[in-house]
Amino acid sequence: NLSAGANRLDPAAEFPAELPAQLRYDALTNPGGARGDVYDHTVNVYGR
């Protein structure tokens, strides 16, 4: 159960339905896409 919850750490696992698939990160097909994880979502604090 909690391992599934770790999808928040996975930049390609889960996105809101409203975000088009072509904008989402994929390591192979869209490496420049939007990364869906808690760290990239808080990048203003953590930096790149």
ModelCIF file with pLDDT and N, C-alpha, C, O atoms, coordinates in Angstrom:
data_MODEL
#
_entry.id   MODEL 
#
_entity.id                         1 
_entity.type                       polymer 
_entity.pdbx_number_of_molecules   1 
#
_entity_poly.entity_id                      1 
_entity_poly.type                           'polypeptide(L)' 
_entity_poly.nstd_linkage                   no 
_entity_poly.nstd_monomer                   no 
_entity_poly.pdbx_seq_one_letter_code       NLSAGANRLDPAAEFPAELPAQLRYDALTNPGGARGDVYDHTVNVYGR 
_entity_poly.pdbx_seq_one_letter_code_can   NLSAGANRLDPAAEFPAELPAQLRYDALTNPGGARGDVYDHTVNVYGR 
_entity_poly.pdbx_strand_id                 A 
#
loop_
_entity_poly_seq.entity_id 
_entity_poly_seq.num 
_entity_poly_seq.mon_id 
_entity_poly_seq.hetero 
1 1  ASN n 
1 2  LEU n 
1 3  SER n 
1 4  ALA n 
1 5  GLY n 
1 6  ALA n 
1 7  ASN n 
1 8  ARG n 
1 9  LEU n 
1 10 ASP n 
1 11 PRO n 
1 12 ALA n 
1 13 ALA n 
1 14 GLU n 
1 15 PHE n 
1 16 PRO n 
1 17 ALA n 
1 18 GLU n 
1 19 LEU n 
1 20 PRO n 
1 21 ALA n 
1 22 GLN n 
1 23 LEU n 
1 24 ARG n 
1 25 TYR n 
1 26 ASP n 
1 27 ALA n 
1 28 LEU n 
1 29 THR n 
1 30 ASN n 
1 31 PRO n 
1 32 GLY n 
1 33 GLY n 
1 34 ALA n 
1 35 ARG n 
1 36 GLY n 
1 37 ASP n 
1 38 VAL n 
1 39 TYR n 
1 40 ASP n 
1 41 HIS n 
1 42 THR n 
1 43 VAL n 
1 44 ASN n 
1 45 VAL n 
1 46 TYR n 
1 47 GLY n 
1 48 ARG n 
#
_struct_asym.id          A 
_struct_asym.entity_id   1 
#
loop_
_ma_qa_metric.id 
_ma_qa_metric.mode 
_ma_qa_metric.name 
_ma_qa_metric.software_group_id 
_ma_qa_metric.type 
1 global pLDDT . pLDDT 
2 local  pLDDT . pLDDT 
#
_ma_qa_metric_global.metric_id      1 
_ma_qa_metric_global.metric_value   96.98 
_ma_qa_metric_global.model_id       1 
_ma_qa_metric_global.ordinal_id     1 
#
loop_
_ma_qa_metric_local.label_asym_id 
_ma_qa_metric_local.label_comp_id 
_ma_qa_metric_local.label_seq_id 
_ma_qa_metric_local.metric_id 
_ma_qa_metric_local.metric_value 
_ma_qa_metric_local.model_id 
_ma_qa_metric_local.ordinal_id 
A ASN 1  2 97.00 1 1  
A LEU 2  2 97.00 1 2  
A SER 3  2 98.00 1 3  
A ALA 4  2 97.00 1 4  
A GLY 5  2 96.00 1 5  
A ALA 6  2 97.00 1 6  
A ASN 7  2 97.00 1 7  
A ARG 8  2 97.00 1 8  
A LEU 9  2 98.00 1 9  
A ASP 10 2 98.00 1 10 
A PRO 11 2 98.00 1 11 
A ALA 12 2 97.00 1 12 
A ALA 13 2 96.00 1 13 
A GLU 14 2 95.00 1 14 
A PHE 15 2 97.00 1 15 
A PRO 16 2 96.00 1 16 
A ALA 17 2 95.00 1 17 
A GLU 18 2 95.00 1 18 
A LEU 19 2 96.00 1 19 
A PRO 20 2 96.00 1 20 
A ALA 21 2 96.00 1 21 
A GLN 22 2 97.00 1 22 
A LEU 23 2 97.00 1 23 
A ARG 24 2 98.00 1 24 
A TYR 25 2 98.00 1 25 
A ASP 26 2 97.00 1 26 
A ALA 27 2 97.00 1 27 
A LEU 28 2 96.00 1 28 
A THR 29 2 97.00 1 29 
A ASN 30 2 97.00 1 30 
A PRO 31 2 97.00 1 31 
A GLY 32 2 96.00 1 32 
A GLY 33 2 97.00 1 33 
A ALA 34 2 97.00 1 34 
A ARG 35 2 98.00 1 35 
A GLY 36 2 97.00 1 36 
A ASP 37 2 97.00 1 37 
A VAL 38 2 97.00 1 38 
A TYR 39 2 98.00 1 39 
A ASP 40 2 97.00 1 40 
A HIS 41 2 97.00 1 41 
A THR 42 2 97.00 1 42 
A VAL 43 2 98.00 1 43 
A ASN 44 2 98.00 1 44 
A VAL 45 2 98.00 1 45 
A TYR 46 2 98.00 1 46 
A GLY 47 2 97.00 1 47 
A ARG 48 2 98.00 1 48 
#
loop_
_atom_site.group_PDB 
_atom_site.id 
_atom_site.type_symbol 
_atom_site.label_atom_id 
_atom_site.label_alt_id 
_atom_site.label_comp_id 
_atom_site.label_asym_id 
_atom_site.label_entity_id 
_atom_site.label_seq_id 
_atom_site.pdbx_PDB_ins_code 
_atom_site.Cartn_x 
_atom_site.Cartn_y 
_atom_site.Cartn_z 
_atom_site.occupancy 
_atom_site.B_iso_or_equiv 
_atom_site.pdbx_formal_charge 
_atom_site.auth_seq_id 
_atom_site.auth_comp_id 
_atom_site.auth_asym_id 
_atom_site.auth_atom_id 
_atom_site.pdbx_PDB_model_num 
ATOM 1   N N  . ASN A 1 1  ? 0.833  -1.205 0.000   1.00 97.00 ? 1  ASN A N  1 
ATOM 2   C CA . ASN A 1 1  ? 0.000  0.000  0.000   1.00 97.00 ? 1  ASN A CA 1 
ATOM 3   C C  . ASN A 1 1  ? 0.866  1.252  0.000   1.00 97.00 ? 1  ASN A C  1 
ATOM 4   O O  . ASN A 1 1  ? 0.643  2.167  -0.793  1.00 97.00 ? 1  ASN A O  1 
ATOM 5   N N  . LEU A 1 2  ? 1.848  1.291  0.884   1.00 97.00 ? 2  LEU A N  1 
ATOM 6   C CA . LEU A 1 2  ? 2.697  2.477  0.979   1.00 97.00 ? 2  LEU A CA 1 
ATOM 7   C C  . LEU A 1 2  ? 3.697  2.548  -0.165  1.00 97.00 ? 2  LEU A C  1 
ATOM 8   O O  . LEU A 1 2  ? 4.117  3.639  -0.550  1.00 97.00 ? 2  LEU A O  1 
ATOM 9   N N  . SER A 1 3  ? 4.084  1.407  -0.713  1.00 98.00 ? 3  SER A N  1 
ATOM 10  C CA . SER A 1 3  ? 4.938  1.426  -1.891  1.00 98.00 ? 3  SER A CA 1 
ATOM 11  C C  . SER A 1 3  ? 4.220  2.107  -3.046  1.00 98.00 ? 3  SER A C  1 
ATOM 12  O O  . SER A 1 3  ? 4.832  2.866  -3.798  1.00 98.00 ? 3  SER A O  1 
ATOM 13  N N  . ALA A 1 4  ? 2.937  1.843  -3.191  1.00 97.00 ? 4  ALA A N  1 
ATOM 14  C CA . ALA A 1 4  ? 2.158  2.542  -4.222  1.00 97.00 ? 4  ALA A CA 1 
ATOM 15  C C  . ALA A 1 4  ? 2.119  4.038  -3.937  1.00 97.00 ? 4  ALA A C  1 
ATOM 16  O O  . ALA A 1 4  ? 2.133  4.851  -4.861  1.00 97.00 ? 4  ALA A O  1 
ATOM 17  N N  . GLY A 1 5  ? 2.070  4.397  -2.673  1.00 96.00 ? 5  GLY A N  1 
ATOM 18  C CA . GLY A 1 5  ? 2.085  5.812  -2.301  1.00 96.00 ? 5  GLY A CA 1 
ATOM 19  C C  . GLY A 1 5  ? 3.380  6.500  -2.684  1.00 96.00 ? 5  GLY A C  1 
ATOM 20  O O  . GLY A 1 5  ? 3.424  7.724  -2.815  1.00 96.00 ? 5  GLY A O  1 
ATOM 21  N N  . ALA A 1 6  ? 4.437  5.714  -2.865  1.00 97.00 ? 6  ALA A N  1 
ATOM 22  C CA . ALA A 1 6  ? 5.722  6.286  -3.268  1.00 97.00 ? 6  ALA A CA 1 
ATOM 23  C C  . ALA A 1 6  ? 5.719  6.752  -4.713  1.00 97.00 ? 6  ALA A C  1 
ATOM 24  O O  . ALA A 1 6  ? 6.739  7.234  -5.205  1.00 97.00 ? 6  ALA A O  1 
ATOM 25  N N  . ASN A 1 7  ? 4.599  6.620  -5.399  1.00 97.00 ? 7  ASN A N  1 
ATOM 26  C CA . ASN A 1 7  ? 4.495  7.190  -6.745  1.00 97.00 ? 7  ASN A CA 1 
ATOM 27  C C  . ASN A 1 7  ? 4.715  8.698  -6.732  1.00 97.00 ? 7  ASN A C  1 
ATOM 28  O O  . ASN A 1 7  ? 5.063  9.277  -7.760  1.00 97.00 ? 7  ASN A O  1 
ATOM 29  N N  . ARG A 1 8  ? 4.518  9.335  -5.594  1.00 97.00 ? 8  ARG A N  1 
ATOM 30  C CA . ARG A 1 8  ? 4.780  10.769 -5.500  1.00 97.00 ? 8  ARG A CA 1 
ATOM 31  C C  . ARG A 1 8  ? 6.278  11.074 -5.649  1.00 97.00 ? 8  ARG A C  1 
ATOM 32  O O  . ARG A 1 8  ? 6.659  12.227 -5.851  1.00 97.00 ? 8  ARG A O  1 
ATOM 33  N N  . LEU A 1 9  ? 7.111  10.058 -5.551  1.00 98.00 ? 9  LEU A N  1 
ATOM 34  C CA . LEU A 1 9  ? 8.550  10.225 -5.747  1.00 98.00 ? 9  LEU A CA 1 
ATOM 35  C C  . LEU A 1 9  ? 8.965  9.927  -7.179  1.00 98.00 ? 9  LEU A C  1 
ATOM 36  O O  . LEU A 1 9  ? 10.116 10.144 -7.555  1.00 98.00 ? 9  LEU A O  1 
ATOM 37  N N  . ASP A 1 10 ? 8.030  9.432  -7.973  1.00 98.00 ? 10 ASP A N  1 
ATOM 38  C CA . ASP A 1 10 ? 8.306  8.975  -9.335  1.00 98.00 ? 10 ASP A CA 1 
ATOM 39  C C  . ASP A 1 10 ? 7.838  10.037 -10.332 1.00 98.00 ? 10 ASP A C  1 
ATOM 40  O O  . ASP A 1 10 ? 6.637  10.286 -10.429 1.00 98.00 ? 10 ASP A O  1 
ATOM 41  N N  . PRO A 1 11 ? 8.742  10.663 -11.067 1.00 98.00 ? 11 PRO A N  1 
ATOM 42  C CA . PRO A 1 11 ? 8.356  11.792 -11.923 1.00 98.00 ? 11 PRO A CA 1 
ATOM 43  C C  . PRO A 1 11 ? 7.498  11.423 -13.125 1.00 98.00 ? 11 PRO A C  1 
ATOM 44  O O  . PRO A 1 11 ? 6.973  12.307 -13.802 1.00 98.00 ? 11 PRO A O  1 
ATOM 45  N N  . ALA A 1 12 ? 7.347  10.126 -13.402 1.00 97.00 ? 12 ALA A N  1 
ATOM 46  C CA . ALA A 1 12 ? 6.566  9.712  -14.569 1.00 97.00 ? 12 ALA A CA 1 
ATOM 47  C C  . ALA A 1 12 ? 5.340  8.894  -14.203 1.00 97.00 ? 12 ALA A C  1 
ATOM 48  O O  . ALA A 1 12 ? 4.629  8.424  -15.091 1.00 97.00 ? 12 ALA A O  1 
ATOM 49  N N  . ALA A 1 13 ? 5.078  8.714  -12.920 1.00 96.00 ? 13 ALA A N  1 
ATOM 50  C CA . ALA A 1 13 ? 4.046  7.753  -12.518 1.00 96.00 ? 13 ALA A CA 1 
ATOM 51  C C  . ALA A 1 13 ? 2.631  8.295  -12.618 1.00 96.00 ? 13 ALA A C  1 
ATOM 52  O O  . ALA A 1 13 ? 1.759  7.621  -13.165 1.00 96.00 ? 13 ALA A O  1 
ATOM 53  N N  . GLU A 1 14 ? 2.380  9.490  -12.108 1.00 95.00 ? 14 GLU A N  1 
ATOM 54  C CA . GLU A 1 14 ? 1.001  9.958  -11.981 1.00 95.00 ? 14 GLU A CA 1 
ATOM 55  C C  . GLU A 1 14 ? 0.902  11.451 -12.268 1.00 95.00 ? 14 GLU A C  1 
ATOM 56  O O  . GLU A 1 14 ? 1.710  12.250 -11.793 1.00 95.00 ? 14 GLU A O  1 
ATOM 57  N N  . PHE A 1 15 ? -0.113 11.807 -13.059 1.00 97.00 ? 15 PHE A N  1 
ATOM 58  C CA . PHE A 1 15 ? -0.356 13.199 -13.417 1.00 97.00 ? 15 PHE A CA 1 
ATOM 59  C C  . PHE A 1 15 ? -1.857 13.481 -13.328 1.00 97.00 ? 15 PHE A C  1 
ATOM 60  O O  . PHE A 1 15 ? -2.670 12.560 -13.420 1.00 97.00 ? 15 PHE A O  1 
ATOM 61  N N  . PRO A 1 16 ? -2.219 14.736 -13.150 1.00 96.00 ? 16 PRO A N  1 
ATOM 62  C CA . PRO A 1 16 ? -3.646 15.060 -13.202 1.00 96.00 ? 16 PRO A CA 1 
ATOM 63  C C  . PRO A 1 16 ? -4.188 14.807 -14.596 1.00 96.00 ? 16 PRO A C  1 
ATOM 64  O O  . PRO A 1 16 ? -3.476 14.961 -15.588 1.00 96.00 ? 16 PRO A O  1 
ATOM 65  N N  . ALA A 1 17 ? -5.448 14.418 -14.664 1.00 95.00 ? 17 ALA A N  1 
ATOM 66  C CA . ALA A 1 17 ? -6.052 14.089 -15.953 1.00 95.00 ? 17 ALA A CA 1 
ATOM 67  C C  . ALA A 1 17 ? -6.033 15.279 -16.899 1.00 95.00 ? 17 ALA A C  1 
ATOM 68  O O  . ALA A 1 17 ? -6.014 15.103 -18.118 1.00 95.00 ? 17 ALA A O  1 
ATOM 69  N N  . GLU A 1 18 ? -6.040 16.501 -16.343 1.00 95.00 ? 18 GLU A N  1 
ATOM 70  C CA . GLU A 1 18 ? -6.131 17.692 -17.185 1.00 95.00 ? 18 GLU A CA 1 
ATOM 71  C C  . GLU A 1 18 ? -4.831 18.003 -17.931 1.00 95.00 ? 18 GLU A C  1 
ATOM 72  O O  . GLU A 1 18 ? -4.838 18.793 -18.875 1.00 95.00 ? 18 GLU A O  1 
ATOM 73  N N  . LEU A 1 19 ? -3.722 17.394 -17.522 1.00 96.00 ? 19 LEU A N  1 
ATOM 74  C CA . LEU A 1 19 ? -2.441 17.677 -18.173 1.00 96.00 ? 19 LEU A CA 1 
ATOM 75  C C  . LEU A 1 19 ? -2.275 16.749 -19.376 1.00 96.00 ? 19 LEU A C  1 
ATOM 76  O O  . LEU A 1 19 ? -2.204 15.532 -19.207 1.00 96.00 ? 19 LEU A O  1 
ATOM 77  N N  . PRO A 1 20 ? -2.212 17.301 -20.581 1.00 96.00 ? 20 PRO A N  1 
ATOM 78  C CA . PRO A 1 20 ? -2.101 16.453 -21.781 1.00 96.00 ? 20 PRO A CA 1 
ATOM 79  C C  . PRO A 1 20 ? -0.901 15.522 -21.719 1.00 96.00 ? 20 PRO A C  1 
ATOM 80  O O  . PRO A 1 20 ? 0.156  15.880 -21.200 1.00 96.00 ? 20 PRO A O  1 
ATOM 81  N N  . ALA A 1 21 ? -1.081 14.322 -22.258 1.00 96.00 ? 21 ALA A N  1 
ATOM 82  C CA . ALA A 1 21 ? -0.043 13.299 -22.190 1.00 96.00 ? 21 ALA A CA 1 
ATOM 83  C C  . ALA A 1 21 ? 1.250  13.763 -22.853 1.00 96.00 ? 21 ALA A C  1 
ATOM 84  O O  . ALA A 1 21 ? 2.335  13.391 -22.407 1.00 96.00 ? 21 ALA A O  1 
ATOM 85  N N  . GLN A 1 22 ? 1.155  14.559 -23.897 1.00 97.00 ? 22 GLN A N  1 
ATOM 86  C CA . GLN A 1 22 ? 2.361  14.972 -24.609 1.00 97.00 ? 22 GLN A CA 1 
ATOM 87  C C  . GLN A 1 22 ? 3.216  15.952 -23.822 1.00 97.00 ? 22 GLN A C  1 
ATOM 88  O O  . GLN A 1 22 ? 4.349  16.235 -24.212 1.00 97.00 ? 22 GLN A O  1 
ATOM 89  N N  . LEU A 1 23 ? 2.684  16.477 -22.711 1.00 97.00 ? 23 LEU A N  1 
ATOM 90  C CA . LEU A 1 23 ? 3.453  17.395 -21.875 1.00 97.00 ? 23 LEU A CA 1 
ATOM 91  C C  . LEU A 1 23 ? 4.111  16.691 -20.691 1.00 97.00 ? 23 LEU A C  1 
ATOM 92  O O  . LEU A 1 23 ? 4.881  17.311 -19.956 1.00 97.00 ? 23 LEU A O  1 
ATOM 93  N N  . ARG A 1 24 ? 3.823  15.424 -20.500 1.00 98.00 ? 24 ARG A N  1 
ATOM 94  C CA . ARG A 1 24 ? 4.290  14.699 -19.325 1.00 98.00 ? 24 ARG A CA 1 
ATOM 95  C C  . ARG A 1 24 ? 5.683  14.093 -19.548 1.00 98.00 ? 24 ARG A C  1 
ATOM 96  O O  . ARG A 1 24 ? 6.034  13.677 -20.652 1.00 98.00 ? 24 ARG A O  1 
ATOM 97  N N  . TYR A 1 25 ? 6.440  14.062 -18.489 1.00 98.00 ? 25 TYR A N  1 
ATOM 98  C CA . TYR A 1 25 ? 7.795  13.500 -18.555 1.00 98.00 ? 25 TYR A CA 1 
ATOM 99  C C  . TYR A 1 25 ? 7.768  12.003 -18.827 1.00 98.00 ? 25 TYR A C  1 
ATOM 100 O O  . TYR A 1 25 ? 6.963  11.265 -18.260 1.00 98.00 ? 25 TYR A O  1 
ATOM 101 N N  . ASP A 1 26 ? 8.649  11.582 -19.689 1.00 97.00 ? 26 ASP A N  1 
ATOM 102 C CA . ASP A 1 26 ? 8.953  10.166 -19.891 1.00 97.00 ? 26 ASP A CA 1 
ATOM 103 C C  . ASP A 1 26 ? 10.438 10.097 -20.217 1.00 97.00 ? 26 ASP A C  1 
ATOM 104 O O  . ASP A 1 26 ? 10.916 10.779 -21.124 1.00 97.00 ? 26 ASP A O  1 
ATOM 105 N N  . ALA A 1 27 ? 11.153 9.282  -19.483 1.00 97.00 ? 27 ALA A N  1 
ATOM 106 C CA . ALA A 1 27 ? 12.613 9.258  -19.623 1.00 97.00 ? 27 ALA A CA 1 
ATOM 107 C C  . ALA A 1 27 ? 13.052 8.949  -21.051 1.00 97.00 ? 27 ALA A C  1 
ATOM 108 O O  . ALA A 1 27 ? 14.099 9.423  -21.490 1.00 97.00 ? 27 ALA A O  1 
ATOM 109 N N  . LEU A 1 28 ? 12.266 8.161  -21.777 1.00 96.00 ? 28 LEU A N  1 
ATOM 110 C CA . LEU A 1 28 ? 12.656 7.764  -23.127 1.00 96.00 ? 28 LEU A CA 1 
ATOM 111 C C  . LEU A 1 28 ? 12.023 8.618  -24.208 1.00 96.00 ? 28 LEU A C  1 
ATOM 112 O O  . LEU A 1 28 ? 12.697 9.051  -25.143 1.00 96.00 ? 28 LEU A O  1 
ATOM 113 N N  . THR A 1 29 ? 10.710 8.863  -24.080 1.00 97.00 ? 29 THR A N  1 
ATOM 114 C CA . THR A 1 29 ? 9.993  9.520  -25.171 1.00 97.00 ? 29 THR A CA 1 
ATOM 115 C C  . THR A 1 29 ? 9.822  11.015 -24.985 1.00 97.00 ? 29 THR A C  1 
ATOM 116 O O  . THR A 1 29 ? 9.590  11.729 -25.961 1.00 97.00 ? 29 THR A O  1 
ATOM 117 N N  . ASN A 1 30 ? 9.929  11.510 -23.760 1.00 97.00 ? 30 ASN A N  1 
ATOM 118 C CA . ASN A 1 30 ? 9.757  12.949 -23.527 1.00 97.00 ? 30 ASN A CA 1 
ATOM 119 C C  . ASN A 1 30 ? 10.600 13.394 -22.336 1.00 97.00 ? 30 ASN A C  1 
ATOM 120 O O  . ASN A 1 30 ? 10.052 13.809 -21.315 1.00 97.00 ? 30 ASN A O  1 
ATOM 121 N N  . PRO A 1 31 ? 11.908 13.313 -22.451 1.00 97.00 ? 31 PRO A N  1 
ATOM 122 C CA . PRO A 1 31 ? 12.777 13.638 -21.304 1.00 97.00 ? 31 PRO A CA 1 
ATOM 123 C C  . PRO A 1 31 ? 12.725 15.102 -20.889 1.00 97.00 ? 31 PRO A C  1 
ATOM 124 O O  . PRO A 1 31 ? 13.171 15.444 -19.794 1.00 97.00 ? 31 PRO A O  1 
ATOM 125 N N  . GLY A 1 32 ? 12.193 15.968 -21.737 1.00 96.00 ? 32 GLY A N  1 
ATOM 126 C CA . GLY A 1 32 ? 12.061 17.376 -21.365 1.00 96.00 ? 32 GLY A CA 1 
ATOM 127 C C  . GLY A 1 32 ? 10.683 17.732 -20.854 1.00 96.00 ? 32 GLY A C  1 
ATOM 128 O O  . GLY A 1 32 ? 10.381 18.909 -20.657 1.00 96.00 ? 32 GLY A O  1 
ATOM 129 N N  . GLY A 1 33 ? 9.835  16.727 -20.633 1.00 97.00 ? 33 GLY A N  1 
ATOM 130 C CA . GLY A 1 33 ? 8.467  16.976 -20.185 1.00 97.00 ? 33 GLY A CA 1 
ATOM 131 C C  . GLY A 1 33 ? 8.375  17.334 -18.715 1.00 97.00 ? 33 GLY A C  1 
ATOM 132 O O  . GLY A 1 33 ? 9.365  17.301 -17.984 1.00 97.00 ? 33 GLY A O  1 
ATOM 133 N N  . ALA A 1 34 ? 7.170  17.675 -18.297 1.00 97.00 ? 34 ALA A N  1 
ATOM 134 C CA . ALA A 1 34 ? 6.908  18.054 -16.906 1.00 97.00 ? 34 ALA A CA 1 
ATOM 135 C C  . ALA A 1 34 ? 7.052  16.841 -15.999 1.00 97.00 ? 34 ALA A C  1 
ATOM 136 O O  . ALA A 1 34 ? 6.428  15.805 -16.230 1.00 97.00 ? 34 ALA A O  1 
ATOM 137 N N  . ARG A 1 35 ? 7.877  16.974 -14.970 1.00 98.00 ? 35 ARG A N  1 
ATOM 138 C CA . ARG A 1 35 ? 8.132  15.873 -14.040 1.00 98.00 ? 35 ARG A CA 1 
ATOM 139 C C  . ARG A 1 35 ? 7.128  15.937 -12.880 1.00 98.00 ? 35 ARG A C  1 
ATOM 140 O O  . ARG A 1 35 ? 6.997  16.956 -12.201 1.00 98.00 ? 35 ARG A O  1 
ATOM 141 N N  . GLY A 1 36 ? 6.428  14.820 -12.678 1.00 97.00 ? 36 GLY A N  1 
ATOM 142 C CA . GLY A 1 36 ? 5.366  14.787 -11.679 1.00 97.00 ? 36 GLY A CA 1 
ATOM 143 C C  . GLY A 1 36 ? 5.790  14.141 -10.382 1.00 97.00 ? 36 GLY A C  1 
ATOM 144 O O  . GLY A 1 36 ? 5.415  13.002 -10.105 1.00 97.00 ? 36 GLY A O  1 
ATOM 145 N N  . ASP A 1 37 ? 6.568  14.851 -9.578  1.00 97.00 ? 37 ASP A N  1 
ATOM 146 C CA . ASP A 1 37 ? 6.974  14.334 -8.271  1.00 97.00 ? 37 ASP A CA 1 
ATOM 147 C C  . ASP A 1 37 ? 7.092  15.487 -7.292  1.00 97.00 ? 37 ASP A C  1 
ATOM 148 O O  . ASP A 1 37 ? 7.129  16.652 -7.689  1.00 97.00 ? 37 ASP A O  1 
ATOM 149 N N  . VAL A 1 38 ? 7.149  15.156 -6.011  1.00 97.00 ? 38 VAL A N  1 
ATOM 150 C CA . VAL A 1 38 ? 7.117  16.194 -4.979  1.00 97.00 ? 38 VAL A CA 1 
ATOM 151 C C  . VAL A 1 38 ? 8.354  17.083 -5.008  1.00 97.00 ? 38 VAL A C  1 
ATOM 152 O O  . VAL A 1 38 ? 8.287  18.240 -4.592  1.00 97.00 ? 38 VAL A O  1 
ATOM 153 N N  . TYR A 1 39 ? 9.468  16.573 -5.483  1.00 98.00 ? 39 TYR A N  1 
ATOM 154 C CA . TYR A 1 39 ? 10.691 17.366 -5.475  1.00 98.00 ? 39 TYR A CA 1 
ATOM 155 C C  . TYR A 1 39 ? 10.694 18.381 -6.614  1.00 98.00 ? 39 TYR A C  1 
ATOM 156 O O  . TYR A 1 39 ? 11.014 19.550 -6.400  1.00 98.00 ? 39 TYR A O  1 
ATOM 157 N N  . ASP A 1 40 ? 10.345 17.948 -7.812  1.00 97.00 ? 40 ASP A N  1 
ATOM 158 C CA . ASP A 1 40 ? 10.268 18.905 -8.913  1.00 97.00 ? 40 ASP A CA 1 
ATOM 159 C C  . ASP A 1 40 ? 9.137  19.906 -8.685  1.00 97.00 ? 40 ASP A C  1 
ATOM 160 O O  . ASP A 1 40 ? 9.200  21.032 -9.179  1.00 97.00 ? 40 ASP A O  1 
ATOM 161 N N  . HIS A 1 41 ? 8.121  19.513 -7.953  1.00 97.00 ? 41 HIS A N  1 
ATOM 162 C CA . HIS A 1 41 ? 7.020  20.428 -7.643  1.00 97.00 ? 41 HIS A CA 1 
ATOM 163 C C  . HIS A 1 41 ? 7.443  21.485 -6.627  1.00 97.00 ? 41 HIS A C  1 
ATOM 164 O O  . HIS A 1 41 ? 6.775  22.510 -6.490  1.00 97.00 ? 41 HIS A O  1 
ATOM 165 N N  . THR A 1 42 ? 8.542  21.251 -5.916  1.00 97.00 ? 42 THR A N  1 
ATOM 166 C CA . THR A 1 42 ? 9.034  22.193 -4.911  1.00 97.00 ? 42 THR A CA 1 
ATOM 167 C C  . THR A 1 42 ? 10.430 22.670 -5.290  1.00 97.00 ? 42 THR A C  1 
ATOM 168 O O  . THR A 1 42 ? 11.255 22.952 -4.421  1.00 97.00 ? 42 THR A O  1 
ATOM 169 N N  . VAL A 1 43 ? 10.686 22.758 -6.586  1.00 98.00 ? 43 VAL A N  1 
ATOM 170 C CA . VAL A 1 43 ? 12.027 23.078 -7.071  1.00 98.00 ? 43 VAL A CA 1 
ATOM 171 C C  . VAL A 1 43 ? 12.461 24.481 -6.670  1.00 98.00 ? 43 VAL A C  1 
ATOM 172 O O  . VAL A 1 43 ? 13.662 24.738 -6.578  1.00 98.00 ? 43 VAL A O  1 
ATOM 173 N N  . ASN A 1 44 ? 11.525 25.401 -6.427  1.00 98.00 ? 44 ASN A N  1 
ATOM 174 C CA . ASN A 1 44 ? 11.905 26.750 -6.006  1.00 98.00 ? 44 ASN A CA 1 
ATOM 175 C C  . ASN A 1 44 ? 12.645 26.735 -4.669  1.00 98.00 ? 44 ASN A C  1 
ATOM 176 O O  . ASN A 1 44 ? 13.420 27.646 -4.377  1.00 98.00 ? 44 ASN A O  1 
ATOM 177 N N  . VAL A 1 45 ? 12.411 25.721 -3.868  1.00 98.00 ? 45 VAL A N  1 
ATOM 178 C CA . VAL A 1 45 ? 13.102 25.578 -2.587  1.00 98.00 ? 45 VAL A CA 1 
ATOM 179 C C  . VAL A 1 45 ? 14.378 24.757 -2.744  1.00 98.00 ? 45 VAL A C  1 
ATOM 180 O O  . VAL A 1 45 ? 15.441 25.150 -2.264  1.00 98.00 ? 45 VAL A O  1 
ATOM 181 N N  . TYR A 1 46 ? 14.267 23.618 -3.418  1.00 98.00 ? 46 TYR A N  1 
ATOM 182 C CA . TYR A 1 46 ? 15.379 22.670 -3.458  1.00 98.00 ? 46 TYR A CA 1 
ATOM 183 C C  . TYR A 1 46 ? 16.421 23.006 -4.521  1.00 98.00 ? 46 TYR A C  1 
ATOM 184 O O  . TYR A 1 46 ? 17.586 22.635 -4.373  1.00 98.00 ? 46 TYR A O  1 
ATOM 185 N N  . GLY A 1 47 ? 16.031 23.699 -5.586  1.00 97.00 ? 47 GLY A N  1 
ATOM 186 C CA . GLY A 1 47 ? 16.946 23.996 -6.667  1.00 97.00 ? 47 GLY A CA 1 
ATOM 187 C C  . GLY A 1 47 ? 17.096 22.825 -7.624  1.00 97.00 ? 47 GLY A C  1 
ATOM 188 O O  . GLY A 1 47 ? 16.532 21.754 -7.401  1.00 97.00 ? 47 GLY A O  1 
ATOM 189 N N  . ARG A 1 48 ? 17.862 23.036 -8.693  1.00 98.00 ? 48 ARG A N  1 
ATOM 190 C CA . ARG A 1 48 ? 18.039 22.017 -9.723  1.00 98.00 ? 48 ARG A CA 1 
ATOM 191 C C  . ARG A 1 48 ? 19.467 21.470 -9.727  1.00 98.00 ? 48 ARG A C  1 
ATOM 192 O O  . ARG A 1 48 ? 19.793 20.600 -10.534 1.00 98.00 ? 48 ARG A O  1 
#
